[in-house]
Amino acid sequence: MTGKQKRFLRALASTMPAVVMIGKGGLEDAVIDSARAAITARELIKVKVLNNAPVDPEETFEELADMLGAELVQVIGHNGVLYKAKKDPKIILPR
């Protein structure tokens, strides 16, 4: 993914609310299933690691992206943005 494409996705995600929250249980099966359903429906999701979570946010986002087969677009503090293109994409990336 090019820098221009990541910049485009970051701009789209800036106004989005976090749809997946990772709490004190860390990456539980329910969280992974929720993230999988959300990224399948939306292509671009924002994930938040809550303050009471005993995990490192950046490592958690990387692990979640690997599990979902998604691209980690951005990590800022406790928020991360993940992108996974569909076969028939809604979001058209710039070249």
PDB file of N, CA and C in Angstrom:
ATOM      1  N   MET A   1       0.851  -1.170   0.000  1.00  0.00           N
ATOM      2  CA  MET A   1       0.000   0.000   0.000  1.00  0.00           C
ATOM      3  C   MET A   1       0.901   1.239   0.000  1.00  0.00           C
ATOM      4  N   THR A   2       0.575   2.165  -0.869  1.00  0.00           N
ATOM      5  CA  THR A   2       1.404   3.366  -0.998  1.00  0.00           C
ATOM      6  C   THR A   2       1.063   4.383   0.090  1.00  0.00           C
ATOM      7  N   GLY A   3       1.938   5.346   0.251  1.00  0.00           N
ATOM      8  CA  GLY A   3       1.713   6.406   1.230  1.00  0.00           C
ATOM      9  C   GLY A   3       0.478   7.233   0.903  1.00  0.00           C
ATOM     10  N   LYS A   4       0.256   7.447  -0.383  1.00  0.00           N
ATOM     11  CA  LYS A   4      -0.907   8.211  -0.816  1.00  0.00           C
ATOM     12  C   LYS A   4      -2.202   7.490  -0.449  1.00  0.00           C
ATOM     13  N   GLN A   5      -2.213   6.170  -0.610  1.00  0.00           N
ATOM     14  CA  GLN A   5      -3.391   5.375  -0.256  1.00  0.00           C
ATOM     15  C   GLN A   5      -3.630   5.389   1.251  1.00  0.00           C
ATOM     16  N   LYS A   6      -2.552   5.265   2.027  1.00  0.00           N
ATOM     17  CA  LYS A   6      -2.696   5.318   3.485  1.00  0.00           C
ATOM     18  C   LYS A   6      -3.202   6.682   3.941  1.00  0.00           C
ATOM     19  N   ARG A   7      -2.709   7.743   3.333  1.00  0.00           N
ATOM     20  CA  ARG A   7      -3.153   9.090   3.664  1.00  0.00           C
ATOM     21  C   ARG A   7      -4.644   9.253   3.374  1.00  0.00           C
ATOM     22  N   PHE A   8      -5.097   8.698   2.248  1.00  0.00           N
ATOM     23  CA  PHE A   8      -6.512   8.741   1.869  1.00  0.00           C
ATOM     24  C   PHE A   8      -7.366   8.005   2.906  1.00  0.00           C
ATOM     25  N   LEU A   9      -6.910   6.820   3.322  1.00  0.00           N
ATOM     26  CA  LEU A   9      -7.660   6.037   4.311  1.00  0.00           C
ATOM     27  C   LEU A   9      -7.661   6.710   5.685  1.00  0.00           C
ATOM     28  N   ARG A  10      -6.545   7.320   6.063  1.00  0.00           N
ATOM     29  CA  ARG A  10      -6.491   8.041   7.341  1.00  0.00           C
ATOM     30  C   ARG A  10      -7.478   9.200   7.343  1.00  0.00           C
ATOM     31  N   ALA A  11      -7.599   9.887   6.213  1.00  0.00           N
ATOM     32  CA  ALA A  11      -8.542  11.002   6.111  1.00  0.00           C
ATOM     33  C   ALA A  11      -9.980  10.504   6.261  1.00  0.00           C
ATOM     34  N   LEU A  12     -10.298   9.364   5.647  1.00  0.00           N
ATOM     35  CA  LEU A  12     -11.636   8.794   5.785  1.00  0.00           C
ATOM     36  C   LEU A  12     -11.933   8.382   7.226  1.00  0.00           C
ATOM     37  N   ALA A  13     -10.932   7.827   7.887  1.00  0.00           N
ATOM     38  CA  ALA A  13     -11.127   7.304   9.233  1.00  0.00           C
ATOM     39  C   ALA A  13     -11.133   8.380  10.307  1.00  0.00           C
ATOM     40  N   SER A  14     -10.678   9.568   9.989  1.00  0.00           N
ATOM     41  CA  SER A  14     -10.543  10.601  11.013  1.00  0.00           C
ATOM     42  C   SER A  14     -11.875  10.976  11.665  1.00  0.00           C
ATOM     43  N   THR A  15     -12.955  10.911  10.924  1.00  0.00           N
ATOM     44  CA  THR A  15     -14.263  11.283  11.477  1.00  0.00           C
ATOM     45  C   THR A  15     -15.080  10.078  11.934  1.00  0.00           C
ATOM     46  N   MET A  16     -14.558   8.875  11.729  1.00  0.00           N
ATOM     47  CA  MET A  16     -15.294   7.667  12.107  1.00  0.00           C
ATOM     48  C   MET A  16     -15.208   7.414  13.612  1.00  0.00           C
ATOM     49  N   PRO A  17     -16.264   6.867  14.197  1.00  0.00           N
ATOM     50  CA  PRO A  17     -16.168   6.423  15.590  1.00  0.00           C
ATOM     51  C   PRO A  17     -15.502   5.043  15.645  1.00  0.00           C
ATOM     52  N   ALA A  18     -14.941   4.702  16.784  1.00  0.00           N
ATOM     53  CA  ALA A  18     -14.365   3.366  16.958  1.00  0.00           C
ATOM     54  C   ALA A  18     -15.508   2.351  17.031  1.00  0.00           C
ATOM     55  N   VAL A  19     -15.434   1.302  16.230  1.00  0.00           N
ATOM     56  CA  VAL A  19     -16.499   0.301  16.198  1.00  0.00           C
ATOM     57  C   VAL A  19     -16.131  -0.962  16.966  1.00  0.00           C
ATOM     58  N   VAL A  20     -14.849  -1.146  17.262  1.00  0.00           N
ATOM     59  CA  VAL A  20     -14.397  -2.302  18.032  1.00  0.00           C
ATOM     60  C   VAL A  20     -13.611  -1.786  19.228  1.00  0.00           C
ATOM     61  N   MET A  21     -13.986  -2.274  20.414  1.00  0.00           N
ATOM     62  CA  MET A  21     -13.301  -1.872  21.645  1.00  0.00           C
ATOM     63  C   MET A  21     -12.614  -3.098  22.262  1.00  0.00           C
ATOM     64  N   ILE A  22     -11.356  -2.942  22.614  1.00  0.00           N
ATOM     65  CA  ILE A  22     -10.602  -4.010  23.258  1.00  0.00           C
ATOM     66  C   ILE A  22     -10.446  -3.622  24.719  1.00  0.00           C
ATOM     67  N   GLY A  23     -11.016  -4.435  25.613  1.00  0.00           N
ATOM     68  CA  GLY A  23     -11.030  -4.122  27.035  1.00  0.00           C
ATOM     69  C   GLY A  23     -10.052  -4.954  27.828  1.00  0.00           C
ATOM     70  N   LYS A  24     -10.396  -5.175  29.091  1.00  0.00           N
ATOM     71  CA  LYS A  24      -9.474  -5.851  30.010  1.00  0.00           C
ATOM     72  C   LYS A  24      -9.226  -7.312  29.653  1.00  0.00           C
ATOM     73  N   GLY A  25     -10.070  -7.902  28.820  1.00  0.00           N
ATOM     74  CA  GLY A  25      -9.870  -9.282  28.390  1.00  0.00           C
ATOM     75  C   GLY A  25      -8.882  -9.422  27.249  1.00  0.00           C
ATOM     76  N   GLY A  26      -8.465  -8.308  26.663  1.00  0.00           N
ATOM     77  CA  GLY A  26      -7.526  -8.354  25.547  1.00  0.00           C
ATOM     78  C   GLY A  26      -8.207  -8.828  24.276  1.00  0.00           C
ATOM     79  N   LEU A  27      -7.460  -9.555  23.451  1.00  0.00           N
ATOM     80  CA  LEU A  27      -8.009 -10.056  22.191  1.00  0.00           C
ATOM     81  C   LEU A  27      -8.746 -11.375  22.429  1.00  0.00           C
ATOM     82  N   GLU A  28      -9.967 -11.279  22.875  1.00  0.00           N
ATOM     83  CA  GLU A  28     -10.797 -12.460  23.091  1.00  0.00           C
ATOM     84  C   GLU A  28     -11.459 -12.855  21.779  1.00  0.00           C
ATOM     85  N   ASP A  29     -12.017 -14.062  21.741  1.00  0.00           N
ATOM     86  CA  ASP A  29     -12.691 -14.535  20.534  1.00  0.00           C
ATOM     87  C   ASP A  29     -13.843 -13.623  20.139  1.00  0.00           C
ATOM     88  N   ALA A  30     -14.576 -13.113  21.109  1.00  0.00           N
ATOM     89  CA  ALA A  30     -15.709 -12.238  20.813  1.00  0.00           C
ATOM     90  C   ALA A  30     -15.247 -10.949  20.142  1.00  0.00           C
ATOM     91  N   VAL A  31     -14.123 -10.412  20.586  1.00  0.00           N
ATOM     92  CA  VAL A  31     -13.581  -9.186  19.996  1.00  0.00           C
ATOM     93  C   VAL A  31     -13.119  -9.445  18.564  1.00  0.00           C
ATOM     94  N   ILE A  32     -12.465 -10.579  18.359  1.00  0.00           N
ATOM     95  CA  ILE A  32     -11.974 -10.923  17.023  1.00  0.00           C
ATOM     96  C   ILE A  32     -13.142 -11.138  16.064  1.00  0.00           C
ATOM     97  N   ASP A  33     -14.183 -11.837  16.536  1.00  0.00           N
ATOM     98  CA  ASP A  33     -15.368 -12.061  15.702  1.00  0.00           C
ATOM     99  C   ASP A  33     -16.062 -10.748  15.366  1.00  0.00           C
ATOM    100  N   SER A  34     -16.153  -9.865  16.342  1.00  0.00           N
ATOM    101  CA  SER A  34     -16.757  -8.551  16.125  1.00  0.00           C
ATOM    102  C   SER A  34     -15.961  -7.746  15.101  1.00  0.00           C
ATOM    103  N   ALA A  35     -14.640  -7.764  15.210  1.00  0.00           N
ATOM    104  CA  ALA A  35     -13.784  -7.041  14.271  1.00  0.00           C
ATOM    105  C   ALA A  35     -13.896  -7.640  12.872  1.00  0.00           C
ATOM    106  N   ARG A  36     -13.956  -8.967  12.794  1.00  0.00           N
ATOM    107  CA  ARG A  36     -14.083  -9.624  11.490  1.00  0.00           C
ATOM    108  C   ARG A  36     -15.395  -9.235  10.807  1.00  0.00           C
ATOM    109  N   ALA A  37     -16.480  -9.233  11.578  1.00  0.00           N
ATOM    110  CA  ALA A  37     -17.783  -8.853  11.020  1.00  0.00           C
ATOM    111  C   ALA A  37     -17.788  -7.397  10.579  1.00  0.00           C
ATOM    112  N   ALA A  38     -17.193  -6.519  11.382  1.00  0.00           N
ATOM    113  CA  ALA A  38     -17.174  -5.095  11.067  1.00  0.00           C
ATOM    114  C   ALA A  38     -16.329  -4.801   9.827  1.00  0.00           C
ATOM    115  N   ILE A  39     -15.162  -5.427   9.722  1.00  0.00           N
ATOM    116  CA  ILE A  39     -14.288  -5.139   8.575  1.00  0.00           C
ATOM    117  C   ILE A  39     -14.838  -5.754   7.292  1.00  0.00           C
ATOM    118  N   THR A  40     -15.578  -6.848   7.424  1.00  0.00           N
ATOM    119  CA  THR A  40     -16.217  -7.441   6.250  1.00  0.00           C
ATOM    120  C   THR A  40     -17.320  -6.530   5.725  1.00  0.00           C
ATOM    121  N   ALA A  41     -18.049  -5.912   6.627  1.00  0.00           N
ATOM    122  CA  ALA A  41     -19.149  -5.037   6.230  1.00  0.00           C
ATOM    123  C   ALA A  41     -18.670  -3.667   5.760  1.00  0.00           C
ATOM    124  N   ARG A  42     -17.614  -3.125   6.386  1.00  0.00           N
ATOM    125  CA  ARG A  42     -17.228  -1.729   6.151  1.00  0.00           C
ATOM    126  C   ARG A  42     -15.938  -1.519   5.382  1.00  0.00           C
ATOM    127  N   GLU A  43     -15.055  -2.474   5.361  1.00  0.00           N
ATOM    128  CA  GLU A  43     -13.717  -2.377   4.752  1.00  0.00           C
ATOM    129  C   GLU A  43     -12.725  -1.567   5.594  1.00  0.00           C
ATOM    130  N   LEU A  44     -13.178  -0.497   6.229  1.00  0.00           N
ATOM    131  CA  LEU A  44     -12.308   0.380   7.012  1.00  0.00           C
ATOM    132  C   LEU A  44     -12.916   0.530   8.404  1.00  0.00           C
ATOM    133  N   ILE A  45     -12.150   0.143   9.436  1.00  0.00           N
ATOM    134  CA  ILE A  45     -12.676   0.246  10.805  1.00  0.00           C
ATOM    135  C   ILE A  45     -11.651   0.910  11.707  1.00  0.00           C
ATOM    136  N   LYS A  46     -12.180   1.511  12.765  1.00  0.00           N
ATOM    137  CA  LYS A  46     -11.333   2.088  13.801  1.00  0.00           C
ATOM    138  C   LYS A  46     -11.487   1.212  15.038  1.00  0.00           C
ATOM    139  N   VAL A  47     -10.367   0.869  15.654  1.00  0.00           N
ATOM    140  CA  VAL A  47     -10.338   0.013  16.836  1.00  0.00           C
ATOM    141  C   VAL A  47      -9.736   0.810  17.982  1.00  0.00           C
ATOM    142  N   LYS A  48     -10.297   0.655  19.171  1.00  0.00           N
ATOM    143  CA  LYS A  48      -9.800   1.378  20.344  1.00  0.00           C
ATOM    144  C   LYS A  48      -9.435   0.381  21.436  1.00  0.00           C
ATOM    145  N   VAL A  49      -8.262   0.565  22.026  1.00  0.00           N
ATOM    146  CA  VAL A  49      -7.855  -0.200  23.196  1.00  0.00           C
ATOM    147  C   VAL A  49      -8.181   0.660  24.409  1.00  0.00           C
ATOM    148  N   LEU A  50      -9.054   0.162  25.262  1.00  0.00           N
ATOM    149  CA  LEU A  50      -9.473   0.923  26.435  1.00  0.00           C
ATOM    150  C   LEU A  50      -8.347   1.028  27.450  1.00  0.00           C
ATOM    151  N   ASN A  51      -8.448   2.001  28.339  1.00  0.00           N
ATOM    152  CA  ASN A  51      -7.386   2.245  29.327  1.00  0.00           C
ATOM    153  C   ASN A  51      -7.176   1.091  30.291  1.00  0.00           C
ATOM    154  N   ASN A  52      -8.228   0.288  30.540  1.00  0.00           N
ATOM    155  CA  ASN A  52      -8.081  -0.810  31.501  1.00  0.00           C
ATOM    156  C   ASN A  52      -7.553  -2.088  30.856  1.00  0.00           C
ATOM    157  N   ALA A  53      -7.208  -2.054  29.576  1.00  0.00           N
ATOM    158  CA  ALA A  53      -6.684  -3.240  28.890  1.00  0.00           C
ATOM    159  C   ALA A  53      -5.216  -3.443  29.257  1.00  0.00           C
ATOM    160  N   PRO A  54      -4.848  -4.676  29.613  1.00  0.00           N
ATOM    161  CA  PRO A  54      -3.464  -4.947  30.015  1.00  0.00           C
ATOM    162  C   PRO A  54      -2.549  -5.288  28.836  1.00  0.00           C
ATOM    163  N   VAL A  55      -2.786  -4.677  27.679  1.00  0.00           N
ATOM    164  CA  VAL A  55      -2.012  -5.007  26.483  1.00  0.00           C
ATOM    165  C   VAL A  55      -1.377  -3.748  25.893  1.00  0.00           C
ATOM    166  N   ASP A  56      -0.334  -3.956  25.089  1.00  0.00           N
ATOM    167  CA  ASP A  56       0.297  -2.859  24.370  1.00  0.00           C
ATOM    168  C   ASP A  56      -0.538  -2.586  23.118  1.00  0.00           C
ATOM    169  N   PRO A  57      -1.052  -1.367  22.937  1.00  0.00           N
ATOM    170  CA  PRO A  57      -1.940  -1.092  21.802  1.00  0.00           C
ATOM    171  C   PRO A  57      -1.334  -1.401  20.438  1.00  0.00           C
ATOM    172  N   GLU A  58      -0.097  -0.995  20.189  1.00  0.00           N
ATOM    173  CA  GLU A  58       0.483  -1.196  18.857  1.00  0.00           C
ATOM    174  C   GLU A  58       0.639  -2.681  18.527  1.00  0.00           C
ATOM    175  N   GLU A  59       1.123  -3.469  19.475  1.00  0.00           N
ATOM    176  CA  GLU A  59       1.257  -4.916  19.256  1.00  0.00           C
ATOM    177  C   GLU A  59      -0.103  -5.560  19.047  1.00  0.00           C
ATOM    178  N   THR A  60      -1.098  -5.096  19.792  1.00  0.00           N
ATOM    179  CA  THR A  60      -2.447  -5.640  19.685  1.00  0.00           C
ATOM    180  C   THR A  60      -3.032  -5.363  18.307  1.00  0.00           C
ATOM    181  N   PHE A  61      -2.851  -4.143  17.798  1.00  0.00           N
ATOM    182  CA  PHE A  61      -3.369  -3.800  16.471  1.00  0.00           C
ATOM    183  C   PHE A  61      -2.688  -4.632  15.386  1.00  0.00           C
ATOM    184  N   GLU A  62      -1.375  -4.826  15.504  1.00  0.00           N
ATOM    185  CA  GLU A  62      -0.645  -5.633  14.527  1.00  0.00           C
ATOM    186  C   GLU A  62      -1.130  -7.081  14.549  1.00  0.00           C
ATOM    187  N   GLU A  63      -1.337  -7.619  15.747  1.00  0.00           N
ATOM    188  CA  GLU A  63      -1.811  -8.993  15.886  1.00  0.00           C
ATOM    189  C   GLU A  63      -3.219  -9.143  15.317  1.00  0.00           C
ATOM    190  N   LEU A  64      -4.088  -8.191  15.603  1.00  0.00           N
ATOM    191  CA  LEU A  64      -5.453  -8.223  15.084  1.00  0.00           C
ATOM    192  C   LEU A  64      -5.455  -8.121  13.561  1.00  0.00           C
ATOM    193  N   ALA A  65      -4.623  -7.253  13.007  1.00  0.00           N
ATOM    194  CA  ALA A  65      -4.536  -7.113  11.550  1.00  0.00           C
ATOM    195  C   ALA A  65      -4.086  -8.424  10.907  1.00  0.00           C
ATOM    196  N   ASP A  66      -3.117  -9.104  11.520  1.00  0.00           N
ATOM    197  CA  ASP A  66      -2.667 -10.397  10.994  1.00  0.00           C
ATOM    198  C   ASP A  66      -3.786 -11.428  11.040  1.00  0.00           C
ATOM    199  N   MET A  67      -4.529 -11.451  12.128  1.00  0.00           N
ATOM    200  CA  MET A  67      -5.627 -12.413  12.269  1.00  0.00           C
ATOM    201  C   MET A  67      -6.719 -12.195  11.228  1.00  0.00           C
ATOM    202  N   LEU A  68      -6.971 -10.934  10.905  1.00  0.00           N
ATOM    203  CA  LEU A  68      -8.040 -10.595   9.968  1.00  0.00           C
ATOM    204  C   LEU A  68      -7.566 -10.555   8.517  1.00  0.00           C
ATOM    205  N   GLY A  69      -6.266 -10.591   8.291  1.00  0.00           N
ATOM    206  CA  GLY A  69      -5.736 -10.446   6.941  1.00  0.00           C
ATOM    207  C   GLY A  69      -5.898  -9.025   6.438  1.00  0.00           C
ATOM    208  N   ALA A  70      -5.826  -8.071   7.361  1.00  0.00           N
ATOM    209  CA  ALA A  70      -6.062  -6.667   7.038  1.00  0.00           C
ATOM    210  C   ALA A  70      -4.751  -5.890   7.076  1.00  0.00           C
ATOM    211  N   GLU A  71      -4.818  -4.674   6.597  1.00  0.00           N
ATOM    212  CA  GLU A  71      -3.676  -3.757   6.596  1.00  0.00           C
ATOM    213  C   GLU A  71      -3.832  -2.790   7.760  1.00  0.00           C
ATOM    214  N   LEU A  72      -2.783  -2.644   8.567  1.00  0.00           N
ATOM    215  CA  LEU A  72      -2.787  -1.656   9.638  1.00  0.00           C
ATOM    216  C   LEU A  72      -2.396  -0.315   9.026  1.00  0.00           C
ATOM    217  N   VAL A  73      -3.346   0.601   8.988  1.00  0.00           N
ATOM    218  CA  VAL A  73      -3.151   1.886   8.317  1.00  0.00           C
ATOM    219  C   VAL A  73      -2.500   2.898   9.247  1.00  0.00           C
ATOM    220  N   GLN A  74      -2.965   2.950  10.508  1.00  0.00           N
ATOM    221  CA  GLN A  74      -2.504   4.002  11.405  1.00  0.00           C
ATOM    222  C   GLN A  74      -2.674   3.570  12.854  1.00  0.00           C
ATOM    223  N   VAL A  75      -1.755   3.996  13.694  1.00  0.00           N
ATOM    224  CA  VAL A  75      -1.878   3.838  15.145  1.00  0.00           C
ATOM    225  C   VAL A  75      -1.567   5.188  15.764  1.00  0.00           C
ATOM    226  N   ILE A  76      -2.537   5.708  16.528  1.00  0.00           N
ATOM    227  CA  ILE A  76      -2.319   6.938  17.289  1.00  0.00           C
ATOM    228  C   ILE A  76      -2.786   6.654  18.704  1.00  0.00           C
ATOM    229  N   GLY A  77      -1.841   6.576  19.623  1.00  0.00           N
ATOM    230  CA  GLY A  77      -2.181   6.313  21.022  1.00  0.00           C
ATOM    231  C   GLY A  77      -2.895   4.984  21.179  1.00  0.00           C
ATOM    232  N   HIS A  78      -4.139   5.028  21.626  1.00  0.00           N
ATOM    233  CA  HIS A  78      -4.924   3.821  21.858  1.00  0.00           C
ATOM    234  C   HIS A  78      -5.890   3.532  20.714  1.00  0.00           C
ATOM    235  N   ASN A  79      -5.773   4.246  19.603  1.00  0.00           N
ATOM    236  CA  ASN A  79      -6.654   4.054  18.448  1.00  0.00           C
ATOM    237  C   ASN A  79      -5.866   3.527  17.265  1.00  0.00           C
ATOM    238  N   GLY A  80      -6.484   2.582  16.546  1.00  0.00           N
ATOM    239  CA  GLY A  80      -5.861   2.041  15.347  1.00  0.00           C
ATOM    240  C   GLY A  80      -6.884   1.959  14.229  1.00  0.00           C
ATOM    241  N   VAL A  81      -6.405   2.029  12.992  1.00  0.00           N
ATOM    242  CA  VAL A  81      -7.270   1.962  11.818  1.00  0.00           C
ATOM    243  C   VAL A  81      -6.832   0.763  10.986  1.00  0.00           C
ATOM    244  N   LEU A  82      -7.806  -0.093  10.644  1.00  0.00           N
ATOM    245  CA  LEU A  82      -7.542  -1.284   9.840  1.00  0.00           C
ATOM    246  C   LEU A  82      -8.332  -1.209   8.541  1.00  0.00           C
ATOM    247  N   TYR A  83      -7.724  -1.724   7.459  1.00  0.00           N
ATOM    248  CA  TYR A  83      -8.373  -1.723   6.153  1.00  0.00           C
ATOM    249  C   TYR A  83      -8.203  -3.095   5.502  1.00  0.00           C
ATOM    250  N   LYS A  84      -9.301  -3.597   4.949  1.00  0.00           N
ATOM    251  CA  LYS A  84      -9.260  -4.836   4.176  1.00  0.00           C
ATOM    252  C   LYS A  84     -10.223  -4.681   3.009  1.00  0.00           C
ATOM    253  N   ALA A  85      -9.682  -4.729   1.794  1.00  0.00           N
ATOM    254  CA  ALA A  85     -10.495  -4.538   0.597  1.00  0.00           C
ATOM    255  C   ALA A  85     -11.396  -5.742   0.359  1.00  0.00           C
ATOM    256  N   LYS A  86     -12.590  -5.466  -0.138  1.00  0.00           N
ATOM    257  CA  LYS A  86     -13.512  -6.526  -0.535  1.00  0.00           C
ATOM    258  C   LYS A  86     -13.228  -6.911  -1.984  1.00  0.00           C
ATOM    259  N   LYS A  87     -13.885  -7.987  -2.431  1.00  0.00           N
ATOM    260  CA  LYS A  87     -13.775  -8.348  -3.847  1.00  0.00           C
ATOM    261  C   LYS A  87     -14.440  -7.287  -4.715  1.00  0.00           C
ATOM    262  N   ASP A  88     -15.525  -6.719  -4.207  1.00  0.00           N
ATOM    263  CA  ASP A  88     -16.229  -5.625  -4.887  1.00  0.00           C
ATOM    264  C   ASP A  88     -16.137  -4.407  -3.968  1.00  0.00           C
ATOM    265  N   PRO A  89     -15.004  -3.666  -4.007  1.00  0.00           N
ATOM    266  CA  PRO A  89     -14.745  -2.632  -3.005  1.00  0.00           C
ATOM    267  C   PRO A  89     -15.694  -1.437  -3.076  1.00  0.00           C
ATOM    268  N   LYS A  90     -16.063  -0.941  -1.883  1.00  0.00           N
ATOM    269  CA  LYS A  90     -16.834   0.300  -1.774  1.00  0.00           C
ATOM    270  C   LYS A  90     -15.891   1.489  -1.794  1.00  0.00           C
ATOM    271  N   ILE A  91     -14.720   1.315  -1.189  1.00  0.00           N
ATOM    272  CA  ILE A  91     -13.731   2.391  -1.112  1.00  0.00           C
ATOM    273  C   ILE A  91     -12.748   2.220  -2.269  1.00  0.00           C
ATOM    274  N   ILE A  92     -12.691   3.199  -3.129  1.00  0.00           N
ATOM    275  CA  ILE A  92     -11.788   3.172  -4.277  1.00  0.00           C
ATOM    276  C   ILE A  92     -10.522   3.945  -3.890  1.00  0.00           C
ATOM    277  N   LEU A  93      -9.407   3.234  -3.821  1.00  0.00           N
ATOM    278  CA  LEU A  93      -8.147   3.857  -3.422  1.00  0.00           C
ATOM    279  C   LEU A  93      -7.509   4.605  -4.589  1.00  0.00           C
ATOM    280  N   PRO A  94      -6.865   5.733  -4.297  1.00  0.00           N
ATOM    281  CA  PRO A  94      -6.126   6.426  -5.365  1.00  0.00           C
ATOM    282  C   PRO A  94      -4.896   5.617  -5.765  1.00  0.00           C
ATOM    283  N   ARG A  95      -4.401   5.863  -6.959  1.00  0.00           N
ATOM    284  CA  ARG A  95      -3.225   5.130  -7.423  1.00  0.00           C
ATOM    285  C   ARG A  95      -2.021   5.775  -6.920  1.00  0.00           C
TER     286      ARG A  95
END
